[in-house]
C-alpha atoms as a PDB file:
ATOM      1  CA  UNK A   1      -9.814 -86.260  57.728  1.00  0.00           C
ATOM      2  CA  UNK A   2      -7.472 -83.672  59.330  1.00  0.00           C
ATOM      3  CA  UNK A   3      -4.299 -85.071  61.282  1.00  0.00           C
ATOM      4  CA  UNK A   4      -4.954 -81.765  64.027  1.00  0.00           C
ATOM      5  CA  UNK A   5      -4.381 -82.198  67.422  1.00  0.00           C
ATOM      6  CA  UNK A   6      -7.148 -81.656  69.989  1.00  0.00           C
ATOM      7  CA  UNK A   7      -6.801 -79.308  72.175  1.00  0.00           C
ATOM      8  CA  UNK A   8      -5.751 -77.298  68.608  1.00  0.00           C
ATOM      9  CA  UNK A   9     -10.049 -77.823  67.779  1.00  0.00           C
ATOM     10  CA  UNK A  10     -10.517 -76.796  70.583  1.00  0.00           C
ATOM     11  CA  UNK A  11      -9.359 -73.219  70.317  1.00  0.00           C
ATOM     12  CA  UNK A  12     -10.419 -73.271  66.976  1.00  0.00           C
ATOM     13  CA  UNK A  13     -13.951 -73.838  68.282  1.00  0.00           C
ATOM     14  CA  UNK A  14     -13.220 -71.318  71.182  1.00  0.00           C
ATOM     15  CA  UNK A  15     -11.922 -68.477  68.695  1.00  0.00           C
ATOM     16  CA  UNK A  16     -15.580 -69.147  66.916  1.00  0.00           C
ATOM     17  CA  UNK A  17     -13.660 -70.454  64.261  1.00  0.00           C
ATOM     18  CA  UNK A  18     -15.635 -73.506  63.652  1.00  0.00           C
ATOM     19  CA  UNK A  19     -18.774 -74.722  65.352  1.00  0.00           C
ATOM     20  CA  UNK A  20     -19.488 -77.982  64.917  1.00  0.00           C
ATOM     21  CA  UNK A  21     -22.649 -80.106  66.069  1.00  0.00           C
ATOM     22  CA  UNK A  22     -22.403 -81.650  69.071  1.00  0.00           C
ATOM     23  CA  UNK A  23     -24.131 -84.993  70.574  1.00  0.00           C
ATOM     24  CA  UNK A  24     -26.414 -85.388  73.411  1.00  0.00           C
ATOM     25  CA  UNK A  25     -23.781 -86.005  75.576  1.00  0.00           C
ATOM     26  CA  UNK A  26     -21.492 -82.718  74.484  1.00  0.00           C
ATOM     27  CA  UNK A  27     -19.584 -85.026  71.896  1.00  0.00           C
ATOM     28  CA  UNK A  28     -18.770 -82.885  69.050  1.00  0.00           C
ATOM     29  CA  UNK A  29     -19.408 -83.520  65.573  1.00  0.00           C
ATOM     30  CA  UNK A  30     -17.627 -82.368  62.685  1.00  0.00           C
ATOM     31  CA  UNK A  31     -19.843 -82.412  59.246  1.00  0.00           C
ATOM     32  CA  UNK A  32     -18.357 -82.014  55.631  1.00  0.00           C
ATOM     33  CA  UNK A  33     -17.809 -78.197  55.971  1.00  0.00           C
ATOM     34  CA  UNK A  34     -16.421 -78.062  59.175  1.00  0.00           C
ATOM     35  CA  UNK A  35     -13.987 -80.804  57.900  1.00  0.00           C
ATOM     36  CA  UNK A  36     -13.173 -78.207  54.477  1.00  0.00           C
ATOM     37  CA  UNK A  37     -13.230 -75.363  56.699  1.00  0.00           C
ATOM     38  CA  UNK A  38     -10.567 -77.174  58.891  1.00  0.00           C
ATOM     39  CA  UNK A  39      -8.565 -77.902  55.697  1.00  0.00           C
ATOM     40  CA  UNK A  40      -8.708 -73.772  54.931  1.00  0.00           C
ATOM     41  CA  UNK A  41      -7.071 -73.022  58.607  1.00  0.00           C
ATOM     42  CA  UNK A  42      -4.630 -75.505  58.297  1.00  0.00           C
ATOM     43  CA  UNK A  43      -3.559 -73.728  55.234  1.00  0.00           C
ATOM     44  CA  UNK A  44      -3.758 -70.471  55.817  1.00  0.00           C
ATOM     45  CA  UNK A  45      -1.854 -70.770  59.149  1.00  0.00           C
ATOM     46  CA  UNK A  46       1.261 -72.881  56.699  1.00  0.00           C
ATOM     47  CA  UNK A  47       0.637 -69.792  54.738  1.00  0.00           C
ATOM     48  CA  UNK A  48       1.816 -67.771  58.284  1.00  0.00           C
ATOM     49  CA  UNK A  49      -1.208 -66.205  59.224  1.00  0.00           C
ATOM     50  CA  UNK A  50      -1.583 -66.051  62.875  1.00  0.00           C
ATOM     51  CA  UNK A  51      -5.713 -66.951  64.184  1.00  0.00           C
ATOM     52  CA  UNK A  52      -6.443 -63.266  64.149  1.00  0.00           C
ATOM     53  CA  UNK A  53      -5.601 -63.490  59.975  1.00  0.00           C
ATOM     54  CA  UNK A  54      -7.578 -66.699  59.892  1.00  0.00           C
ATOM     55  CA  UNK A  55     -10.875 -65.447  61.171  1.00  0.00           C
ATOM     56  CA  UNK A  56     -10.566 -62.263  59.457  1.00  0.00           C
ATOM     57  CA  UNK A  57      -9.851 -64.063  55.934  1.00  0.00           C
ATOM     58  CA  UNK A  58     -12.855 -66.930  56.912  1.00  0.00           C
ATOM     59  CA  UNK A  59     -14.785 -63.797  57.526  1.00  0.00           C
ATOM     60  CA  UNK A  60     -13.658 -62.111  54.134  1.00  0.00           C
ATOM     61  CA  UNK A  61     -15.064 -65.077  52.524  1.00  0.00           C
ATOM     62  CA  UNK A  62     -18.108 -66.040  53.739  1.00  0.00           C
ATOM     63  CA  UNK A  63     -19.357 -62.400  53.139  1.00  0.00           C
ATOM     64  CA  UNK A  64     -18.091 -62.809  49.337  1.00  0.00           C
ATOM     65  CA  UNK A  65     -20.109 -65.895  49.564  1.00  0.00           C
ATOM     66  CA  UNK A  66     -23.060 -63.747  51.031  1.00  0.00           C
ATOM     67  CA  UNK A  67     -22.740 -61.187  48.235  1.00  0.00           C
ATOM     68  CA  UNK A  68     -21.994 -63.886  45.558  1.00  0.00           C
ATOM     69  CA  UNK A  69     -25.374 -65.523  46.229  1.00  0.00           C
ATOM     70  CA  UNK A  70     -27.276 -62.661  47.068  1.00  0.00           C
ATOM     71  CA  UNK A  71     -25.993 -60.746  42.995  1.00  0.00           C
ATOM     72  CA  UNK A  72     -26.734 -64.548  41.839  1.00  0.00           C
ATOM     73  CA  UNK A  73     -30.621 -64.592  43.005  1.00  0.00           C
ATOM     74  CA  UNK A  74     -31.435 -61.173  41.345  1.00  0.00           C
ATOM     75  CA  UNK A  75     -31.962 -60.101  37.476  1.00  0.00           C
ATOM     76  CA  UNK A  76     -29.456 -58.746  35.631  1.00  0.00           C
ATOM     77  CA  UNK A  77     -29.290 -55.618  34.268  1.00  0.00           C
ATOM     78  CA  UNK A  78     -30.249 -55.113  30.745  1.00  0.00           C
ATOM     79  CA  UNK A  79     -27.174 -53.254  28.726  1.00  0.00           C
ATOM     80  CA  UNK A  80     -27.919 -50.021  26.964  1.00  0.00           C
ATOM     81  CA  UNK A  81     -26.954 -51.529  23.302  1.00  0.00           C
END
């Protein structure tokens, strides 16, 4: 899994970096995608980014993925021969 302090997980959630599901009792449920995000956060922090920088990188990566998906769903334009 991911070796992180509970208080760090809560900070990431408060900052909007992570949005785990919760049980009816309020227990956090981390999905495989959440674990991937935690690994990415850990790596970015290790590279020297602060949490604002981490948030910006995660936002840009998500936007890039959305644009790629949108472009991938469009028919390709025909080139001129």
